[in-house]
Amino acid sequence: MDIRKKQRVVVDALEDIKGRDILVYDTARMPSMFERVVIASGESTRQVKALADNVQEKVRQNGARVYGVEGEGNGEWVLVDLGDVVVHIMHPTVRDFYNLEEVWGGKPVRMKKTAARATGAKKAAKKSARGKAAGPRRSR
């Protein structure tokens, strides 16, 4: 599977279960064994586990291999190894403590919005704008 398609499948799987603060880093130029690092947060250990399970399921459905999973028992930090993509799903307090964003540094990969995500963002912006504009009307 193409690296861009794989990272898209991973991000979509994380968004399906309401993963938060999803970042994708390009590590191809670094001396590592993988090309992408994805970092996401889950609100609870249960959600962290559900996010990891969904990533594995969606990746397998798309014909790619899951090489390994670490941390499922504890659920505070689950690492999913997809070969050229490594996914870190963490509880927010653990994520703040380890600060992997600083470790991997660099610029996050910019993801194109899918049609469904773009539509949802437009609806949210319209709703927000309507909420701000809706106030008591004055008569002249």
Protein backbone atom coordinates (compact mmCIF):
# COMPACT_ATOMS: atom_id res chain seq x y z
CA MET A 1 0.00 0.00 0.00
CA ASP A 2 1.22 3.49 -0.88
CA ILE A 3 2.49 5.51 2.12
CA ARG A 4 0.02 8.34 1.51
CA LYS A 5 -2.89 5.95 1.34
CA LYS A 6 -1.73 4.19 4.50
CA GLN A 7 -1.43 7.45 6.45
CA ARG A 8 -4.88 8.49 5.19
CA VAL A 9 -6.37 5.16 6.36
CA VAL A 10 -4.73 5.62 9.77
CA VAL A 11 -5.93 9.21 10.20
CA ASP A 12 -9.46 8.32 9.07
CA ALA A 13 -9.54 5.38 11.50
CA LEU A 14 -8.47 7.69 14.34
CA GLU A 15 -11.06 10.30 13.39
CA ASP A 16 -13.80 7.64 13.24
CA ILE A 17 -13.44 7.06 17.00
CA LYS A 18 -12.92 10.77 17.80
CA GLY A 19 -9.16 10.71 18.25
CA ARG A 20 -7.84 14.13 19.21
CA ASP A 21 -4.83 16.24 18.28
CA ILE A 22 -3.77 13.97 15.40
CA LEU A 23 -0.35 14.81 13.96
CA VAL A 24 1.57 13.10 11.17
CA TYR A 25 5.34 13.58 10.89
CA ASP A 26 7.47 12.73 7.87
CA THR A 27 10.55 10.89 9.15
CA ALA A 28 11.80 9.63 5.77
CA ARG A 29 14.88 11.90 5.92
CA MET A 30 15.75 10.81 9.45
CA PRO A 31 17.81 7.69 10.10
CA SER A 32 14.86 5.56 11.12
CA MET A 33 13.17 2.38 10.00
CA PHE A 34 9.89 4.08 9.10
CA GLU A 35 8.68 7.01 7.01
CA ARG A 36 5.80 8.39 9.06
CA VAL A 37 4.99 8.86 12.73
CA VAL A 38 1.35 9.46 13.66
CA ILE A 39 0.55 10.76 17.15
CA ALA A 40 -2.99 10.98 18.52
CA SER A 41 -4.74 11.29 21.87
CA GLY A 42 -7.69 9.48 23.40
CA GLU A 43 -9.65 10.79 26.37
CA SER A 44 -9.52 7.56 28.38
CA THR A 45 -7.67 4.25 28.42
CA ARG A 46 -10.77 2.65 26.91
CA GLN A 47 -10.76 5.14 24.02
CA VAL A 48 -7.00 4.70 23.50
CA LYS A 49 -7.53 0.94 23.13
CA ALA A 50 -10.53 1.47 20.82
CA LEU A 51 -8.50 3.82 18.63
CA ALA A 52 -5.67 1.28 18.36
CA ASP A 53 -8.13 -1.52 17.53
CA ASN A 54 -9.81 0.58 14.84
CA VAL A 55 -6.47 1.51 13.25
CA GLN A 56 -5.50 -2.18 13.08
CA GLU A 57 -8.87 -3.20 11.65
CA LYS A 58 -8.95 -0.49 8.95
CA VAL A 59 -5.34 -1.11 7.91
CA ARG A 60 -5.99 -4.86 7.54
CA GLN A 61 -9.20 -4.17 5.60
CA ASN A 62 -7.14 -2.14 3.15
CA GLY A 63 -4.68 -4.99 2.59
CA ALA A 64 -1.75 -3.81 4.70
CA ARG A 65 0.01 -5.67 7.48
CA VAL A 66 0.17 -4.84 11.19
CA TYR A 67 3.65 -5.83 12.37
CA GLY A 68 3.09 -5.38 16.09
CA VAL A 69 1.20 -3.68 18.89
CA GLU A 70 2.59 -2.64 22.28
CA GLY A 71 0.88 -1.26 25.37
CA GLU A 72 -2.64 -2.62 24.92
CA GLY A 73 -2.75 -4.06 28.44
CA ASN A 74 -2.26 -0.71 30.13
CA GLY A 75 -4.04 1.51 27.58
CA GLU A 76 -2.24 4.74 28.43
CA TRP A 77 0.07 4.54 25.41
CA VAL A 78 -0.45 2.09 22.58
CA LEU A 79 2.05 1.82 19.74
CA VAL A 80 0.88 0.27 16.47
CA ASP A 81 3.71 -0.75 14.10
CA LEU A 82 2.64 -0.75 10.46
CA GLY A 83 6.14 -1.05 9.02
CA ASP A 84 6.68 2.28 7.30
CA VAL A 85 4.16 4.01 9.60
CA VAL A 86 4.30 3.97 13.40
CA VAL A 87 1.21 5.12 15.30
CA HIS A 88 1.38 6.38 18.90
CA ILE A 89 -2.01 6.66 20.60
CA MET A 90 -1.73 8.20 24.04
CA HIS A 91 -3.70 9.46 26.99
CA PRO A 92 -3.25 13.28 27.09
CA THR A 93 -1.28 13.29 30.37
CA VAL A 94 1.14 10.67 29.03
CA ARG A 95 1.45 12.59 25.76
CA ASP A 96 2.28 15.80 27.62
CA PHE A 97 4.89 14.02 29.74
CA TYR A 98 6.77 12.31 26.88
CA ASN A 99 6.32 15.15 24.36
CA LEU A 100 6.96 13.04 21.25
CA GLU A 101 6.28 16.06 19.06
CA GLU A 102 9.61 17.48 20.22
CA VAL A 103 11.39 14.17 19.62
CA TRP A 104 10.18 13.83 16.03
CA GLY A 105 10.22 17.59 15.46
CA GLY A 106 10.10 18.99 12.00
CA LYS A 107 6.99 19.93 10.15
CA PRO A 108 3.85 17.85 10.42
CA VAL A 109 2.59 16.39 7.15
CA ARG A 110 -0.34 18.37 5.83
CA MET A 111 -3.31 16.18 5.12
CA LYS A 112 -5.86 16.98 2.45
CA LYS A 113 -9.36 17.05 3.80
CA THR A 114 -11.71 14.39 2.55
CA ALA A 115 -15.05 15.54 1.19
CA ALA A 116 -16.88 14.41 4.34
CA ARG A 117 -14.43 16.20 6.64
CA ALA A 118 -14.53 19.38 4.54
CA THR A 119 -18.35 19.39 4.55
CA GLY A 120 -18.41 18.89 8.32
CA ALA A 121 -15.97 21.78 8.82
CA LYS A 122 -18.08 24.06 6.60
CA LYS A 123 -21.25 23.16 8.51
CA ALA A 124 -19.53 23.82 11.85
CA ALA A 125 -18.27 27.21 10.62
CA LYS A 126 -21.75 28.18 9.38
CA LYS A 127 -23.34 27.08 12.64
CA SER A 128 -20.77 29.06 14.63
CA ALA A 129 -21.31 32.14 12.47
CA ARG A 130 -25.08 31.87 12.87
CA GLY A 131 -24.71 31.49 16.62
CA LYS A 132 -22.62 34.66 16.84
CA ALA A 133 -24.94 36.63 14.56
CA ALA A 134 -28.09 35.45 16.32
CA GLY A 135 -28.79 37.89 19.07
CA PRO A 136 -31.59 40.19 20.02
CA ARG A 137 -32.75 42.18 17.03
CA ARG A 138 -33.30 45.88 17.32
CA SER A 139 -36.24 47.55 15.72
CA ARG A 140 -35.65 50.86 13.95
